[in-house]
């Protein structure tokens, strides 16, 4: 992720809507492990151009195929850029239509199909565990299932956004949906569930 901390927000915790800053008002922080900004004129080796920072800020979510085989979702939320595989590890739900909410202090994208929670920074699946099922009232805590969604590194260089693919050889559950079968409807809007009456 890239932090653009001068953004004004309309909500502090769980809303996915916020006021976007004018394109000239954001500043980028020093480099971090998940993202970086650079004053050099060249992108990192093995990175892939995603788009102009101002276009991504306006769109808030962009999907793109990189390297001819990997679909990527780049999203902008609360002044930060994140990149991940675009389909939920659980059942292939299109994450670009998911809400972003905070759970136990961690920003997550919520899959629009089955409400699975995935941390934006690490790709961990979160679930709500019950401490003692016989106790009343039930006491629950958010727990991690481990890394389930592949997260990629985002870098900004001179107003351009690049993604460096996470090339870990370790299989991650979201890898299953990186096939031609799941690419055909990636950009098609998913129907919203009907409200119960």
Foldseek 3Di string as FASTA:
>chain_A
DWAFQVFAFPDDFFFQDGDQDDPVPTDTDADDPQEHEDADQDDDPQKAWDWFPRVQSVVQWDWDDPPVFAIKIWGAGNRDIWIWRQAFLPPGAGQVPFGWGDFPNFIWTARQPPRFTAGRRQQWTKDWDWPDVVDPPTDIHIDTPHHAIFTWGWYHYPRIIITRGPPDPDDHSSVVCRDPVNPPCNPPDDDHDDDDD
